[in-house]
Amino acid sequence: MIVEIDPDAVAPPYEQLRAQIAALIRTGRLSVGDRLPSIRHLAHDLGLAAGTVARAYRELEAAGYLRGRAGQGTVVRDIPHLPESERTARLADAARAYAAAVRELGVDVDVALATARHHLTDPGD
């Protein structure tokens, strides 16, 4: 599993990690049943506090992406199917967060949209 945390990003580290793992699952780079690194191991590898990784894992578990069991580790579940209203609300939340980051960076709207389009069509980049 390849994830990177940008300490200068607007999004906090747990959110960067959560978003990247969710994207890996949605794009099939992590498959149902794949085991994720332990919290301690991933925290060490990324230079994060264990609580940061634990929060990302908890949020992914709550969203239905992961299943964690004491002594058995954390594994990828089937991609959750969200009700349309929840999907719409989550998309709006993500769009607001992206718009806030774009404004904070002072990036032109056309550049921001082109960047988003690029990453939507090539999430591994």
N, C-alpha and C. Protein backbone atom coordinates (compact mmCIF):
# COMPACT_ATOMS: atom_id res chain seq x y z
N MET A 1 0.86 -1.17 0.00
CA MET A 1 0.00 0.00 0.00
C MET A 1 0.90 1.23 0.00
N ILE A 2 0.67 2.11 -0.96
CA ILE A 2 1.48 3.32 -1.07
C ILE A 2 0.61 4.52 -0.77
N VAL A 3 0.95 5.20 0.32
CA VAL A 3 0.29 6.45 0.67
C VAL A 3 1.35 7.45 1.08
N GLU A 4 1.04 8.71 0.89
CA GLU A 4 1.97 9.77 1.26
C GLU A 4 1.22 10.84 2.03
N ILE A 5 1.85 11.34 3.06
CA ILE A 5 1.26 12.40 3.86
C ILE A 5 2.04 13.68 3.61
N ASP A 6 1.32 14.73 3.25
CA ASP A 6 1.94 16.03 3.02
C ASP A 6 1.73 16.89 4.26
N PRO A 7 2.81 17.14 5.02
CA PRO A 7 2.66 17.92 6.25
C PRO A 7 2.21 19.36 6.02
N ASP A 8 2.34 19.85 4.79
CA ASP A 8 1.95 21.23 4.48
C ASP A 8 0.55 21.33 3.89
N ALA A 9 -0.12 20.19 3.75
CA ALA A 9 -1.46 20.19 3.15
C ALA A 9 -2.48 20.82 4.10
N VAL A 10 -3.55 21.31 3.52
CA VAL A 10 -4.64 21.87 4.30
C VAL A 10 -5.33 20.77 5.10
N ALA A 11 -5.53 19.61 4.48
CA ALA A 11 -6.19 18.49 5.15
C ALA A 11 -5.27 17.92 6.22
N PRO A 12 -5.81 17.57 7.38
CA PRO A 12 -4.99 16.97 8.43
C PRO A 12 -4.51 15.58 8.01
N PRO A 13 -3.43 15.09 8.61
CA PRO A 13 -2.87 13.80 8.21
C PRO A 13 -3.86 12.65 8.24
N TYR A 14 -4.72 12.56 9.27
CA TYR A 14 -5.66 11.44 9.32
C TYR A 14 -6.60 11.48 8.12
N GLU A 15 -7.00 12.69 7.68
CA GLU A 15 -7.91 12.82 6.54
C GLU A 15 -7.18 12.47 5.24
N GLN A 16 -5.93 12.87 5.11
CA GLN A 16 -5.16 12.50 3.92
C GLN A 16 -5.07 10.98 3.83
N LEU A 17 -4.76 10.34 4.95
CA LEU A 17 -4.64 8.88 4.98
C LEU A 17 -5.98 8.22 4.68
N ARG A 18 -7.05 8.69 5.31
CA ARG A 18 -8.37 8.13 5.08
C ARG A 18 -8.76 8.23 3.60
N ALA A 19 -8.56 9.40 3.02
CA ALA A 19 -8.94 9.62 1.63
C ALA A 19 -8.12 8.75 0.68
N GLN A 20 -6.82 8.61 0.95
CA GLN A 20 -5.98 7.81 0.07
C GLN A 20 -6.32 6.32 0.15
N ILE A 21 -6.58 5.82 1.35
CA ILE A 21 -6.94 4.40 1.48
C ILE A 21 -8.30 4.15 0.81
N ALA A 22 -9.26 5.05 1.02
CA ALA A 22 -10.57 4.90 0.37
C ALA A 22 -10.41 4.88 -1.15
N ALA A 23 -9.55 5.75 -1.68
CA ALA A 23 -9.32 5.78 -3.13
C ALA A 23 -8.67 4.49 -3.61
N LEU A 24 -7.74 3.95 -2.83
CA LEU A 24 -7.10 2.68 -3.20
C LEU A 24 -8.13 1.55 -3.26
N ILE A 25 -9.10 1.58 -2.37
CA ILE A 25 -10.16 0.56 -2.36
C ILE A 25 -11.08 0.76 -3.55
N ARG A 26 -11.52 2.01 -3.76
CA ARG A 26 -12.46 2.29 -4.86
C ARG A 26 -11.86 1.97 -6.22
N THR A 27 -10.56 2.19 -6.38
CA THR A 27 -9.93 1.94 -7.69
C THR A 27 -9.47 0.51 -7.85
N GLY A 28 -9.64 -0.32 -6.82
CA GLY A 28 -9.26 -1.73 -6.92
C GLY A 28 -7.81 -2.02 -6.62
N ARG A 29 -7.05 -1.02 -6.22
CA ARG A 29 -5.65 -1.27 -5.86
C ARG A 29 -5.54 -2.01 -4.54
N LEU A 30 -6.57 -1.89 -3.72
CA LEU A 30 -6.74 -2.73 -2.54
C LEU A 30 -8.03 -3.50 -2.77
N SER A 31 -7.96 -4.81 -2.62
CA SER A 31 -9.11 -5.66 -2.91
C SER A 31 -9.77 -6.16 -1.63
N VAL A 32 -11.01 -6.60 -1.78
CA VAL A 32 -11.73 -7.18 -0.66
C VAL A 32 -10.88 -8.30 -0.05
N GLY A 33 -10.69 -8.26 1.26
CA GLY A 33 -9.91 -9.26 1.96
C GLY A 33 -8.45 -8.91 2.17
N ASP A 34 -7.97 -7.89 1.45
CA ASP A 34 -6.57 -7.48 1.65
C ASP A 34 -6.38 -6.99 3.07
N ARG A 35 -5.27 -7.38 3.67
CA ARG A 35 -4.94 -6.98 5.03
C ARG A 35 -4.13 -5.68 4.98
N LEU A 36 -4.51 -4.73 5.81
CA LEU A 36 -3.76 -3.48 5.91
C LEU A 36 -2.69 -3.61 6.98
N PRO A 37 -1.66 -2.77 6.90
CA PRO A 37 -0.63 -2.79 7.94
C PRO A 37 -1.23 -2.48 9.30
N SER A 38 -0.59 -2.96 10.34
CA SER A 38 -1.06 -2.62 11.68
C SER A 38 -0.96 -1.12 11.89
N ILE A 39 -1.70 -0.62 12.84
CA ILE A 39 -1.67 0.81 13.14
C ILE A 39 -0.26 1.25 13.48
N ARG A 40 0.38 0.51 14.35
CA ARG A 40 1.75 0.88 14.76
C ARG A 40 2.72 0.86 13.60
N HIS A 41 2.61 -0.18 12.77
CA HIS A 41 3.54 -0.31 11.63
C HIS A 41 3.36 0.85 10.65
N LEU A 42 2.11 1.14 10.29
CA LEU A 42 1.86 2.21 9.33
C LEU A 42 2.24 3.57 9.92
N ALA A 43 1.94 3.77 11.20
CA ALA A 43 2.32 5.03 11.85
C ALA A 43 3.83 5.21 11.80
N HIS A 44 4.57 4.14 12.08
CA HIS A 44 6.03 4.22 12.04
C HIS A 44 6.51 4.54 10.62
N ASP A 45 5.98 3.82 9.64
CA ASP A 45 6.39 4.03 8.24
C ASP A 45 6.12 5.45 7.75
N LEU A 46 5.00 6.03 8.19
CA LEU A 46 4.62 7.37 7.72
C LEU A 46 5.10 8.49 8.64
N GLY A 47 5.69 8.13 9.77
CA GLY A 47 6.14 9.14 10.72
C GLY A 47 4.98 9.86 11.40
N LEU A 48 3.90 9.12 11.64
CA LEU A 48 2.72 9.68 12.28
C LEU A 48 2.52 9.07 13.66
N ALA A 49 1.70 9.72 14.45
CA ALA A 49 1.30 9.14 15.74
C ALA A 49 0.34 7.99 15.47
N ALA A 50 0.39 6.98 16.31
CA ALA A 50 -0.51 5.83 16.16
C ALA A 50 -1.97 6.27 16.22
N GLY A 51 -2.28 7.27 17.03
CA GLY A 51 -3.65 7.76 17.13
C GLY A 51 -4.16 8.35 15.82
N THR A 52 -3.27 8.93 15.04
CA THR A 52 -3.64 9.49 13.74
C THR A 52 -4.07 8.39 12.79
N VAL A 53 -3.28 7.32 12.73
CA VAL A 53 -3.62 6.18 11.87
C VAL A 53 -4.89 5.50 12.38
N ALA A 54 -4.99 5.36 13.70
CA ALA A 54 -6.18 4.72 14.29
C ALA A 54 -7.44 5.49 13.92
N ARG A 55 -7.37 6.82 13.93
CA ARG A 55 -8.54 7.63 13.57
C ARG A 55 -8.94 7.39 12.12
N ALA A 56 -7.96 7.37 11.23
CA ALA A 56 -8.25 7.11 9.81
C ALA A 56 -8.89 5.73 9.64
N TYR A 57 -8.34 4.72 10.31
CA TYR A 57 -8.88 3.37 10.23
C TYR A 57 -10.31 3.33 10.79
N ARG A 58 -10.55 4.01 11.94
CA ARG A 58 -11.89 4.02 12.54
C ARG A 58 -12.91 4.65 11.59
N GLU A 59 -12.52 5.75 10.95
CA GLU A 59 -13.45 6.41 10.04
C GLU A 59 -13.73 5.54 8.81
N LEU A 60 -12.71 4.85 8.33
CA LEU A 60 -12.91 3.94 7.19
C LEU A 60 -13.77 2.74 7.59
N GLU A 61 -13.60 2.29 8.82
CA GLU A 61 -14.43 1.19 9.31
C GLU A 61 -15.88 1.65 9.45
N ALA A 62 -16.08 2.85 10.00
CA ALA A 62 -17.43 3.39 10.15
C ALA A 62 -18.12 3.59 8.80
N ALA A 63 -17.33 3.92 7.77
CA ALA A 63 -17.88 4.12 6.43
C ALA A 63 -18.08 2.80 5.68
N GLY A 64 -17.64 1.70 6.28
CA GLY A 64 -17.85 0.40 5.66
C GLY A 64 -16.73 -0.10 4.77
N TYR A 65 -15.62 0.62 4.71
CA TYR A 65 -14.51 0.20 3.86
C TYR A 65 -13.64 -0.88 4.50
N LEU A 66 -13.51 -0.85 5.82
CA LEU A 66 -12.61 -1.76 6.52
C LEU A 66 -13.35 -2.52 7.61
N ARG A 67 -12.75 -3.65 7.99
CA ARG A 67 -13.22 -4.41 9.15
C ARG A 67 -12.01 -4.70 10.01
N GLY A 68 -12.04 -4.27 11.24
CA GLY A 68 -10.93 -4.52 12.16
C GLY A 68 -11.37 -5.42 13.28
N ARG A 69 -10.53 -6.42 13.59
CA ARG A 69 -10.82 -7.31 14.70
C ARG A 69 -9.54 -7.51 15.50
N ALA A 70 -9.69 -7.40 16.81
CA ALA A 70 -8.54 -7.59 17.70
C ALA A 70 -7.90 -8.95 17.42
N GLY A 71 -6.60 -8.91 17.22
CA GLY A 71 -5.85 -10.14 16.97
C GLY A 71 -5.88 -10.63 15.53
N GLN A 72 -6.76 -10.07 14.72
CA GLN A 72 -6.87 -10.52 13.33
C GLN A 72 -6.49 -9.43 12.33
N GLY A 73 -6.28 -8.24 12.81
CA GLY A 73 -5.88 -7.15 11.93
C GLY A 73 -7.05 -6.46 11.26
N THR A 74 -6.70 -5.63 10.31
CA THR A 74 -7.68 -4.82 9.59
C THR A 74 -7.68 -5.24 8.13
N VAL A 75 -8.86 -5.54 7.60
CA VAL A 75 -8.97 -6.00 6.23
C VAL A 75 -9.98 -5.15 5.46
N VAL A 76 -9.84 -5.17 4.15
CA VAL A 76 -10.73 -4.42 3.26
C VAL A 76 -12.05 -5.16 3.12
N ARG A 77 -13.13 -4.41 3.29
CA ARG A 77 -14.48 -4.95 3.06
C ARG A 77 -14.92 -4.56 1.66
N ASP A 78 -16.05 -5.08 1.27
CA ASP A 78 -16.64 -4.69 -0.01
C ASP A 78 -16.95 -3.20 0.04
N ILE A 79 -16.87 -2.53 -1.09
CA ILE A 79 -17.14 -1.10 -1.16
C ILE A 79 -18.59 -0.85 -0.74
N PRO A 80 -18.78 0.05 0.22
CA PRO A 80 -20.15 0.31 0.69
C PRO A 80 -20.99 1.00 -0.37
N HIS A 81 -22.25 0.68 -0.34
CA HIS A 81 -23.19 1.34 -1.25
C HIS A 81 -23.99 2.33 -0.42
N LEU A 82 -23.73 3.58 -0.65
CA LEU A 82 -24.36 4.63 0.13
C LEU A 82 -25.69 5.03 -0.47
N PRO A 83 -26.63 5.42 0.39
CA PRO A 83 -27.86 6.00 -0.15
C PRO A 83 -27.51 7.27 -0.92
N GLU A 84 -28.31 7.58 -1.93
CA GLU A 84 -28.03 8.74 -2.79
C GLU A 84 -27.92 10.02 -1.97
N SER A 85 -28.76 10.20 -0.97
CA SER A 85 -28.72 11.43 -0.18
C SER A 85 -27.40 11.55 0.58
N GLU A 86 -26.89 10.43 1.11
CA GLU A 86 -25.61 10.48 1.82
C GLU A 86 -24.46 10.71 0.85
N ARG A 87 -24.52 10.06 -0.29
CA ARG A 87 -23.48 10.25 -1.31
C ARG A 87 -23.42 11.72 -1.74
N THR A 88 -24.60 12.33 -1.96
CA THR A 88 -24.67 13.73 -2.36
C THR A 88 -24.11 14.63 -1.25
N ALA A 89 -24.46 14.36 -0.01
CA ALA A 89 -23.97 15.18 1.10
C ALA A 89 -22.46 15.06 1.24
N ARG A 90 -21.93 13.85 1.11
CA ARG A 90 -20.48 13.66 1.24
C ARG A 90 -19.74 14.31 0.08
N LEU A 91 -20.32 14.25 -1.11
CA LEU A 91 -19.70 14.91 -2.26
C LEU A 91 -19.67 16.43 -2.04
N ALA A 92 -20.75 16.97 -1.53
CA ALA A 92 -20.79 18.42 -1.25
C ALA A 92 -19.75 18.80 -0.20
N ASP A 93 -19.60 17.98 0.83
CA ASP A 93 -18.57 18.24 1.86
C ASP A 93 -17.17 18.25 1.24
N ALA A 94 -16.91 17.26 0.40
CA ALA A 94 -15.59 17.17 -0.25
C ALA A 94 -15.36 18.37 -1.17
N ALA A 95 -16.40 18.78 -1.90
CA ALA A 95 -16.27 19.92 -2.79
C ALA A 95 -16.00 21.21 -2.01
N ARG A 96 -16.69 21.38 -0.88
CA ARG A 96 -16.44 22.56 -0.05
C ARG A 96 -15.00 22.57 0.46
N ALA A 97 -14.50 21.42 0.90
CA ALA A 97 -13.12 21.34 1.40
C ALA A 97 -12.13 21.66 0.29
N TYR A 98 -12.38 21.14 -0.91
CA TYR A 98 -11.49 21.41 -2.04
C TYR A 98 -11.54 22.90 -2.40
N ALA A 99 -12.74 23.47 -2.44
CA ALA A 99 -12.87 24.89 -2.77
C ALA A 99 -12.13 25.76 -1.74
N ALA A 100 -12.22 25.38 -0.49
CA ALA A 100 -11.52 26.15 0.56
C ALA A 100 -10.01 26.07 0.35
N ALA A 101 -9.51 24.91 0.01
CA ALA A 101 -8.07 24.75 -0.24
C ALA A 101 -7.63 25.56 -1.46
N VAL A 102 -8.45 25.55 -2.51
CA VAL A 102 -8.14 26.31 -3.72
C VAL A 102 -8.08 27.80 -3.41
N ARG A 103 -9.06 28.29 -2.66
CA ARG A 103 -9.07 29.71 -2.29
C ARG A 103 -7.85 30.04 -1.43
N GLU A 104 -7.54 29.18 -0.46
CA GLU A 104 -6.39 29.43 0.42
C GLU A 104 -5.09 29.50 -0.38
N LEU A 105 -4.97 28.68 -1.41
CA LEU A 105 -3.76 28.66 -2.23
C LEU A 105 -3.73 29.78 -3.27
N GLY A 106 -4.88 30.41 -3.50
CA GLY A 106 -4.94 31.48 -4.49
C GLY A 106 -4.85 30.96 -5.91
N VAL A 107 -5.35 29.75 -6.14
CA VAL A 107 -5.28 29.11 -7.45
C VAL A 107 -6.47 29.54 -8.30
N ASP A 108 -6.22 29.78 -9.59
CA ASP A 108 -7.27 30.11 -10.55
C ASP A 108 -8.27 28.95 -10.65
N VAL A 109 -9.55 29.28 -10.78
CA VAL A 109 -10.61 28.26 -10.84
C VAL A 109 -10.37 27.28 -11.98
N ASP A 110 -9.98 27.76 -13.15
CA ASP A 110 -9.76 26.87 -14.29
C ASP A 110 -8.62 25.89 -14.00
N VAL A 111 -7.57 26.35 -13.35
CA VAL A 111 -6.45 25.48 -12.99
C VAL A 111 -6.91 24.45 -11.95
N ALA A 112 -7.70 24.90 -10.99
CA ALA A 112 -8.21 23.99 -9.97
C ALA A 112 -9.09 22.91 -10.58
N LEU A 113 -9.96 23.29 -11.50
CA LEU A 113 -10.84 22.31 -12.15
C LEU A 113 -10.03 21.33 -13.01
N ALA A 114 -9.04 21.83 -13.72
CA ALA A 114 -8.19 20.95 -14.54
C ALA A 114 -7.42 19.97 -13.65
N THR A 115 -6.94 20.45 -12.52
CA THR A 115 -6.21 19.59 -11.58
C THR A 115 -7.14 18.52 -11.02
N ALA A 116 -8.34 18.93 -10.61
CA ALA A 116 -9.30 17.95 -10.10
C ALA A 116 -9.65 16.92 -11.17
N ARG A 117 -9.89 17.38 -12.39
CA ARG A 117 -10.23 16.47 -13.49
C ARG A 117 -9.10 15.46 -13.71
N HIS A 118 -7.87 15.94 -13.67
CA HIS A 118 -6.72 15.06 -13.86
C HIS A 118 -6.69 13.97 -12.79
N HIS A 119 -6.89 14.36 -11.53
CA HIS A 119 -6.82 13.39 -10.44
C HIS A 119 -8.04 12.48 -10.38
N LEU A 120 -9.15 12.93 -10.91
CA LEU A 120 -10.32 12.06 -10.97
C LEU A 120 -10.16 10.97 -12.03
N THR A 121 -9.45 11.29 -13.10
CA THR A 121 -9.25 10.30 -14.16
C THR A 121 -8.00 9.47 -13.94
N ASP A 122 -7.08 9.93 -13.10
CA ASP A 122 -5.85 9.18 -12.80
C ASP A 122 -5.54 9.32 -11.31
N PRO A 123 -6.33 8.64 -10.44
CA PRO A 123 -6.18 8.81 -8.99
C PRO A 123 -4.85 8.33 -8.44
N GLY A 124 -4.09 7.59 -9.21
CA GLY A 124 -2.80 7.10 -8.73
C GLY A 124 -1.68 8.10 -8.89
N ASP A 125 -1.97 9.20 -9.56
CA ASP A 125 -0.93 10.20 -9.84
C ASP A 125 -0.67 11.07 -8.66
